[in-house]
């Protein structure tokens, strides 16, 4: 069966009981299936390197036209599609395997960064139209979220067998900021927009800092 989209979230970390990114993915999948989309979901470990490897294996297995990785940004007040992945690991806290890399490249032979190939501004416009807080983010941090985002974009840019697959990363806020069912509906809406939008909207989405 052909897969339309691969969605990934993360396992809990930093002593949390749940990870809102996986809750959003888990709840959004049936909503997308109800619209007729074929969806695969995967829970990734919060571990440098290993998470990206598992994602790469899933991409190669399913060959979906769209890959959306989702992570938790607890300090944010809305849903934020990421614009840029950067080639660095710099951990403020250890990952779930105890690793704390500092100023290490994700790919030794990779470029400084990659842009998302998702229609991030059209996705944010859909959130705004639905009354859901959201904006374009200019940084995915330097923890495992960015690690997965960069690994995904590097894979799609360098593996000729995966040409044409679009991918990117979305951060969701914590449950005390946005109710998990609402976050899931918003994620499903953004994926729907991404599946149906080839060229992004020319809208303002920059930041002064």
C-alpha atoms as a PDB file:
ATOM      1  CA  UNK A   1       0.000   0.000   0.000  1.00  0.00           C
ATOM      2  CA  UNK A   2       1.314   3.432  -0.953  1.00  0.00           C
ATOM      3  CA  UNK A   3       2.041   5.795   1.936  1.00  0.00           C
ATOM      4  CA  UNK A   4       1.058   9.458   1.573  1.00  0.00           C
ATOM      5  CA  UNK A   5       2.833  10.763   4.665  1.00  0.00           C
ATOM      6  CA  UNK A   6       5.216   9.569   7.356  1.00  0.00           C
ATOM      7  CA  UNK A   7       4.714  11.312  10.698  1.00  0.00           C
ATOM      8  CA  UNK A   8       7.139  10.997  13.590  1.00  0.00           C
ATOM      9  CA  UNK A   9       7.067  12.159  17.200  1.00  0.00           C
ATOM     10  CA  UNK A  10       9.358  11.595  20.160  1.00  0.00           C
ATOM     11  CA  UNK A  11       9.327   9.438  23.255  1.00  0.00           C
ATOM     12  CA  UNK A  12       9.210  11.201  26.652  1.00  0.00           C
ATOM     13  CA  UNK A  13      12.444  12.759  27.951  1.00  0.00           C
ATOM     14  CA  UNK A  14      13.822  14.740  30.864  1.00  0.00           C
ATOM     15  CA  UNK A  15      11.674  12.742  33.343  1.00  0.00           C
ATOM     16  CA  UNK A  16       8.379  13.664  31.650  1.00  0.00           C
ATOM     17  CA  UNK A  17       5.597  11.068  31.553  1.00  0.00           C
ATOM     18  CA  UNK A  18       4.513  11.874  27.993  1.00  0.00           C
ATOM     19  CA  UNK A  19       5.821  13.772  24.995  1.00  0.00           C
ATOM     20  CA  UNK A  20       3.244  16.048  23.392  1.00  0.00           C
ATOM     21  CA  UNK A  21       4.821  15.553  19.976  1.00  0.00           C
ATOM     22  CA  UNK A  22       3.974  11.840  19.977  1.00  0.00           C
ATOM     23  CA  UNK A  23       0.514  12.554  21.389  1.00  0.00           C
ATOM     24  CA  UNK A  24      -0.097  14.944  18.490  1.00  0.00           C
ATOM     25  CA  UNK A  25       1.101  12.421  15.907  1.00  0.00           C
ATOM     26  CA  UNK A  26      -0.836   9.542  17.465  1.00  0.00           C
ATOM     27  CA  UNK A  27      -4.063  11.558  17.533  1.00  0.00           C
ATOM     28  CA  UNK A  28      -3.614  13.204  14.112  1.00  0.00           C
ATOM     29  CA  UNK A  29      -3.075   9.953  12.212  1.00  0.00           C
ATOM     30  CA  UNK A  30      -6.679   8.676  12.403  1.00  0.00           C
ATOM     31  CA  UNK A  31      -7.985  12.098  11.422  1.00  0.00           C
ATOM     32  CA  UNK A  32      -5.854  12.038   8.281  1.00  0.00           C
ATOM     33  CA  UNK A  33      -6.856   8.447   7.543  1.00  0.00           C
ATOM     34  CA  UNK A  34     -10.494   9.485   7.795  1.00  0.00           C
ATOM     35  CA  UNK A  35      -9.792  11.961   4.976  1.00  0.00           C
ATOM     36  CA  UNK A  36      -8.437   9.146   2.803  1.00  0.00           C
ATOM     37  CA  UNK A  37      -4.712   9.641   3.347  1.00  0.00           C
ATOM     38  CA  UNK A  38      -2.432   6.655   3.936  1.00  0.00           C
ATOM     39  CA  UNK A  39      -0.392   7.470   7.044  1.00  0.00           C
ATOM     40  CA  UNK A  40       2.563   5.801   8.746  1.00  0.00           C
ATOM     41  CA  UNK A  41       3.646   6.933  12.218  1.00  0.00           C
ATOM     42  CA  UNK A  42       6.821   6.309  14.198  1.00  0.00           C
ATOM     43  CA  UNK A  43       7.875   7.167  17.747  1.00  0.00           C
ATOM     44  CA  UNK A  44      11.550   8.155  17.795  1.00  0.00           C
ATOM     45  CA  UNK A  45      13.949   7.867  20.734  1.00  0.00           C
ATOM     46  CA  UNK A  46      15.285  11.099  22.202  1.00  0.00           C
ATOM     47  CA  UNK A  47      18.829  10.137  21.289  1.00  0.00           C
ATOM     48  CA  UNK A  48      21.343  11.893  19.083  1.00  0.00           C
ATOM     49  CA  UNK A  49      22.107   9.899  15.959  1.00  0.00           C
ATOM     50  CA  UNK A  50      19.853   6.934  16.718  1.00  0.00           C
ATOM     51  CA  UNK A  51      16.643   8.906  16.175  1.00  0.00           C
ATOM     52  CA  UNK A  52      17.802  10.069  12.758  1.00  0.00           C
ATOM     53  CA  UNK A  53      18.856   6.549  11.826  1.00  0.00           C
ATOM     54  CA  UNK A  54      15.436   5.158  12.684  1.00  0.00           C
ATOM     55  CA  UNK A  55      13.749   7.909  10.705  1.00  0.00           C
ATOM     56  CA  UNK A  56      15.992   7.238   7.697  1.00  0.00           C
ATOM     57  CA  UNK A  57      15.113   3.539   7.798  1.00  0.00           C
ATOM     58  CA  UNK A  58      11.396   4.370   7.842  1.00  0.00           C
ATOM     59  CA  UNK A  59      11.731   6.810   4.942  1.00  0.00           C
ATOM     60  CA  UNK A  60      13.540   4.188   2.864  1.00  0.00           C
ATOM     61  CA  UNK A  61      10.952   1.556   3.760  1.00  0.00           C
ATOM     62  CA  UNK A  62       7.810   3.567   3.024  1.00  0.00           C
ATOM     63  CA  UNK A  63       9.052   6.080   0.382  1.00  0.00           C
ATOM     64  CA  UNK A  64       6.272   8.596   1.174  1.00  0.00           C
ATOM     65  CA  UNK A  65       6.014  11.828  -0.814  1.00  0.00           C
ATOM     66  CA  UNK A  66       5.901  13.742   2.497  1.00  0.00           C
ATOM     67  CA  UNK A  67       7.718  13.370   5.826  1.00  0.00           C
ATOM     68  CA  UNK A  68       6.819  15.536   8.817  1.00  0.00           C
ATOM     69  CA  UNK A  69       8.832  15.118  11.993  1.00  0.00           C
ATOM     70  CA  UNK A  70       7.293  16.602  15.126  1.00  0.00           C
ATOM     71  CA  UNK A  71       8.934  17.623  18.390  1.00  0.00           C
ATOM     72  CA  UNK A  72       8.121  19.392  21.640  1.00  0.00           C
ATOM     73  CA  UNK A  73       9.104  23.004  22.281  1.00  0.00           C
ATOM     74  CA  UNK A  74       7.862  23.485  25.829  1.00  0.00           C
ATOM     75  CA  UNK A  75       8.550  27.218  26.014  1.00  0.00           C
ATOM     76  CA  UNK A  76       6.623  28.202  22.918  1.00  0.00           C
ATOM     77  CA  UNK A  77       3.089  29.562  22.768  1.00  0.00           C
ATOM     78  CA  UNK A  78       1.989  28.112  19.430  1.00  0.00           C
ATOM     79  CA  UNK A  79       2.694  25.541  16.744  1.00  0.00           C
ATOM     80  CA  UNK A  80       5.843  26.383  14.831  1.00  0.00           C
ATOM     81  CA  UNK A  81       6.980  24.838  11.546  1.00  0.00           C
ATOM     82  CA  UNK A  82      10.768  25.139  11.353  1.00  0.00           C
ATOM     83  CA  UNK A  83      12.523  26.937   8.502  1.00  0.00           C
ATOM     84  CA  UNK A  84      16.162  25.828   8.920  1.00  0.00           C
ATOM     85  CA  UNK A  85      18.054  22.802  10.239  1.00  0.00           C
ATOM     86  CA  UNK A  86      21.658  23.467  11.285  1.00  0.00           C
ATOM     87  CA  UNK A  87      24.605  21.076  11.281  1.00  0.00           C
ATOM     88  CA  UNK A  88      25.447  21.106  14.982  1.00  0.00           C
ATOM     89  CA  UNK A  89      24.846  19.124  18.162  1.00  0.00           C
ATOM     90  CA  UNK A  90      25.070  21.195  21.340  1.00  0.00           C
ATOM     91  CA  UNK A  91      23.140  19.624  24.212  1.00  0.00           C
ATOM     92  CA  UNK A  92      21.945  21.652  27.195  1.00  0.00           C
ATOM     93  CA  UNK A  93      20.768  18.432  28.854  1.00  0.00           C
ATOM     94  CA  UNK A  94      21.754  14.795  28.170  1.00  0.00           C
ATOM     95  CA  UNK A  95      19.643  12.792  25.755  1.00  0.00           C
ATOM     96  CA  UNK A  96      17.901   9.628  26.919  1.00  0.00           C
ATOM     97  CA  UNK A  97      21.087   7.611  26.342  1.00  0.00           C
ATOM     98  CA  UNK A  98      23.134  10.027  28.482  1.00  0.00           C
ATOM     99  CA  UNK A  99      24.917  11.701  25.554  1.00  0.00           C
ATOM    100  CA  UNK A 100      25.768  15.408  25.842  1.00  0.00           C
ATOM    101  CA  UNK A 101      27.596  16.427  22.656  1.00  0.00           C
ATOM    102  CA  UNK A 102      28.970  19.951  22.483  1.00  0.00           C
ATOM    103  CA  UNK A 103      29.699  21.749  19.201  1.00  0.00           C
ATOM    104  CA  UNK A 104      29.726  18.513  17.176  1.00  0.00           C
ATOM    105  CA  UNK A 105      28.588  18.314  13.551  1.00  0.00           C
ATOM    106  CA  UNK A 106      25.663  16.081  12.708  1.00  0.00           C
ATOM    107  CA  UNK A 107      27.188  15.213   9.328  1.00  0.00           C
ATOM    108  CA  UNK A 108      30.920  15.783   8.993  1.00  0.00           C
ATOM    109  CA  UNK A 109      30.633  16.277   5.241  1.00  0.00           C
ATOM    110  CA  UNK A 110      27.321  18.130   5.327  1.00  0.00           C
ATOM    111  CA  UNK A 111      26.558  21.804   4.671  1.00  0.00           C
ATOM    112  CA  UNK A 112      25.957  24.297   7.464  1.00  0.00           C
ATOM    113  CA  UNK A 113      22.209  24.032   7.071  1.00  0.00           C
ATOM    114  CA  UNK A 114      19.184  22.934   5.081  1.00  0.00           C
ATOM    115  CA  UNK A 115      15.866  24.649   4.478  1.00  0.00           C
ATOM    116  CA  UNK A 116      12.609  22.809   5.074  1.00  0.00           C
ATOM    117  CA  UNK A 117      10.901  21.669   1.888  1.00  0.00           C
ATOM    118  CA  UNK A 118       7.454  21.903   3.477  1.00  0.00           C
ATOM    119  CA  UNK A 119       5.137  24.803   2.568  1.00  0.00           C
ATOM    120  CA  UNK A 120       5.655  26.286   6.020  1.00  0.00           C
ATOM    121  CA  UNK A 121       3.975  29.635   5.377  1.00  0.00           C
ATOM    122  CA  UNK A 122       0.897  28.053   3.839  1.00  0.00           C
ATOM    123  CA  UNK A 123       0.747  25.744   6.862  1.00  0.00           C
ATOM    124  CA  UNK A 124       0.889  28.696   9.268  1.00  0.00           C
ATOM    125  CA  UNK A 125      -1.750  30.528   7.224  1.00  0.00           C
ATOM    126  CA  UNK A 126      -4.064  27.539   7.674  1.00  0.00           C
ATOM    127  CA  UNK A 127      -3.494  27.645  11.433  1.00  0.00           C
ATOM    128  CA  UNK A 128      -4.282  31.353  11.510  1.00  0.00           C
ATOM    129  CA  UNK A 129      -7.468  30.835   9.511  1.00  0.00           C
ATOM    130  CA  UNK A 130      -8.547  28.191  12.026  1.00  0.00           C
ATOM    131  CA  UNK A 131      -7.771  30.432  15.001  1.00  0.00           C
ATOM    132  CA  UNK A 132      -4.861  28.295  16.205  1.00  0.00           C
ATOM    133  CA  UNK A 133      -1.703  30.076  17.407  1.00  0.00           C
ATOM    134  CA  UNK A 134       1.254  29.412  15.129  1.00  0.00           C
ATOM    135  CA  UNK A 135       4.182  31.008  13.349  1.00  0.00           C
ATOM    136  CA  UNK A 136       7.279  30.202  11.322  1.00  0.00           C
ATOM    137  CA  UNK A 137      10.259  29.407  13.549  1.00  0.00           C
ATOM    138  CA  UNK A 138      13.773  30.305  12.448  1.00  0.00           C
ATOM    139  CA  UNK A 139      15.556  27.774  14.672  1.00  0.00           C
ATOM    140  CA  UNK A 140      14.888  24.209  15.797  1.00  0.00           C
ATOM    141  CA  UNK A 141      17.496  24.519  18.550  1.00  0.00           C
ATOM    142  CA  UNK A 142      20.573  22.297  18.815  1.00  0.00           C
ATOM    143  CA  UNK A 143      19.099  19.297  20.626  1.00  0.00           C
ATOM    144  CA  UNK A 144      17.617  16.062  19.235  1.00  0.00           C
ATOM    145  CA  UNK A 145      14.795  17.843  17.383  1.00  0.00           C
ATOM    146  CA  UNK A 146      17.269  19.701  15.222  1.00  0.00           C
ATOM    147  CA  UNK A 147      19.363  16.524  14.967  1.00  0.00           C
ATOM    148  CA  UNK A 148      16.433  14.675  13.397  1.00  0.00           C
ATOM    149  CA  UNK A 149      15.444  17.645  11.214  1.00  0.00           C
ATOM    150  CA  UNK A 150      18.959  17.975   9.816  1.00  0.00           C
ATOM    151  CA  UNK A 151      19.383  14.220   9.375  1.00  0.00           C
ATOM    152  CA  UNK A 152      16.103  14.075   7.436  1.00  0.00           C
ATOM    153  CA  UNK A 153      16.961  16.965   5.125  1.00  0.00           C
ATOM    154  CA  UNK A 154      20.494  15.627   4.577  1.00  0.00           C
ATOM    155  CA  UNK A 155      19.082  12.217   3.671  1.00  0.00           C
ATOM    156  CA  UNK A 156      16.579  13.660   1.209  1.00  0.00           C
ATOM    157  CA  UNK A 157      19.232  15.907  -0.346  1.00  0.00           C
ATOM    158  CA  UNK A 158      21.885  13.230  -0.815  1.00  0.00           C
ATOM    159  CA  UNK A 159      20.055   9.950  -1.570  1.00  0.00           C
ATOM    160  CA  UNK A 160      19.133   9.867  -5.261  1.00  0.00           C
ATOM    161  CA  UNK A 161      16.592   7.096  -4.629  1.00  0.00           C
ATOM    162  CA  UNK A 162      14.586   9.507  -2.456  1.00  0.00           C
ATOM    163  CA  UNK A 163      14.443  12.365  -4.962  1.00  0.00           C
ATOM    164  CA  UNK A 164      11.166  14.253  -4.830  1.00  0.00           C
ATOM    165  CA  UNK A 165      10.309  13.484  -1.216  1.00  0.00           C
ATOM    166  CA  UNK A 166       9.544  16.643   0.744  1.00  0.00           C
ATOM    167  CA  UNK A 167      10.256  16.892   4.434  1.00  0.00           C
ATOM    168  CA  UNK A 168      10.558  19.135   7.434  1.00  0.00           C
ATOM    169  CA  UNK A 169       9.962  19.633  11.119  1.00  0.00           C
ATOM    170  CA  UNK A 170       7.168  21.071  13.274  1.00  0.00           C
ATOM    171  CA  UNK A 171       7.410  21.990  16.952  1.00  0.00           C
ATOM    172  CA  UNK A 172       4.316  21.778  19.143  1.00  0.00           C
ATOM    173  CA  UNK A 173       3.919  23.463  22.544  1.00  0.00           C
ATOM    174  CA  UNK A 174       3.303  21.755  25.859  1.00  0.00           C
ATOM    175  CA  UNK A 175      -0.163  20.593  26.894  1.00  0.00           C
ATOM    176  CA  UNK A 176      -0.607  23.459  29.358  1.00  0.00           C
ATOM    177  CA  UNK A 177      -0.336  25.904  26.448  1.00  0.00           C
ATOM    178  CA  UNK A 178      -2.435  24.098  23.843  1.00  0.00           C
ATOM    179  CA  UNK A 179      -4.893  21.289  24.499  1.00  0.00           C
ATOM    180  CA  UNK A 180      -3.575  18.007  22.965  1.00  0.00           C
ATOM    181  CA  UNK A 181      -6.719  17.311  20.886  1.00  0.00           C
ATOM    182  CA  UNK A 182      -6.481  20.828  19.429  1.00  0.00           C
ATOM    183  CA  UNK A 183      -2.788  20.334  18.695  1.00  0.00           C
ATOM    184  CA  UNK A 184      -3.585  17.077  16.910  1.00  0.00           C
ATOM    185  CA  UNK A 185      -6.306  18.694  14.797  1.00  0.00           C
ATOM    186  CA  UNK A 186      -3.925  21.494  13.899  1.00  0.00           C
ATOM    187  CA  UNK A 187      -1.198  19.025  12.946  1.00  0.00           C
ATOM    188  CA  UNK A 188      -3.608  17.093  10.743  1.00  0.00           C
ATOM    189  CA  UNK A 189      -4.649  20.348   9.084  1.00  0.00           C
ATOM    190  CA  UNK A 190      -1.025  21.309   8.431  1.00  0.00           C
ATOM    191  CA  UNK A 191      -0.249  17.911   6.925  1.00  0.00           C
ATOM    192  CA  UNK A 192      -3.316  18.171   4.707  1.00  0.00           C
ATOM    193  CA  UNK A 193      -2.106  21.578   3.486  1.00  0.00           C
ATOM    194  CA  UNK A 194       1.394  20.239   2.872  1.00  0.00           C
ATOM    195  CA  UNK A 195       0.099  17.284   0.860  1.00  0.00           C
ATOM    196  CA  UNK A 196      -1.963  19.584  -1.345  1.00  0.00           C
ATOM    197  CA  UNK A 197       0.472  22.495  -1.695  1.00  0.00           C
ATOM    198  CA  UNK A 198       3.433  22.237  -4.078  1.00  0.00           C
ATOM    199  CA  UNK A 199       4.538  25.887  -3.960  1.00  0.00           C
ATOM    200  CA  UNK A 200       4.576  27.753  -0.647  1.00  0.00           C
ATOM    201  CA  UNK A 201       2.585  30.931  -0.102  1.00  0.00           C
ATOM    202  CA  UNK A 202       4.503  34.216  -0.439  1.00  0.00           C
ATOM    203  CA  UNK A 203       3.615  35.555   2.997  1.00  0.00           C
ATOM    204  CA  UNK A 204       5.576  37.386   5.670  1.00  0.00           C
ATOM    205  CA  UNK A 205       7.074  34.951   8.152  1.00  0.00           C
ATOM    206  CA  UNK A 206      10.326  36.562   9.232  1.00  0.00           C
ATOM    207  CA  UNK A 207      11.559  37.738  12.605  1.00  0.00           C
ATOM    208  CA  UNK A 208      13.710  40.555  13.957  1.00  0.00           C
ATOM    209  CA  UNK A 209      15.442  38.336  16.498  1.00  0.00           C
END
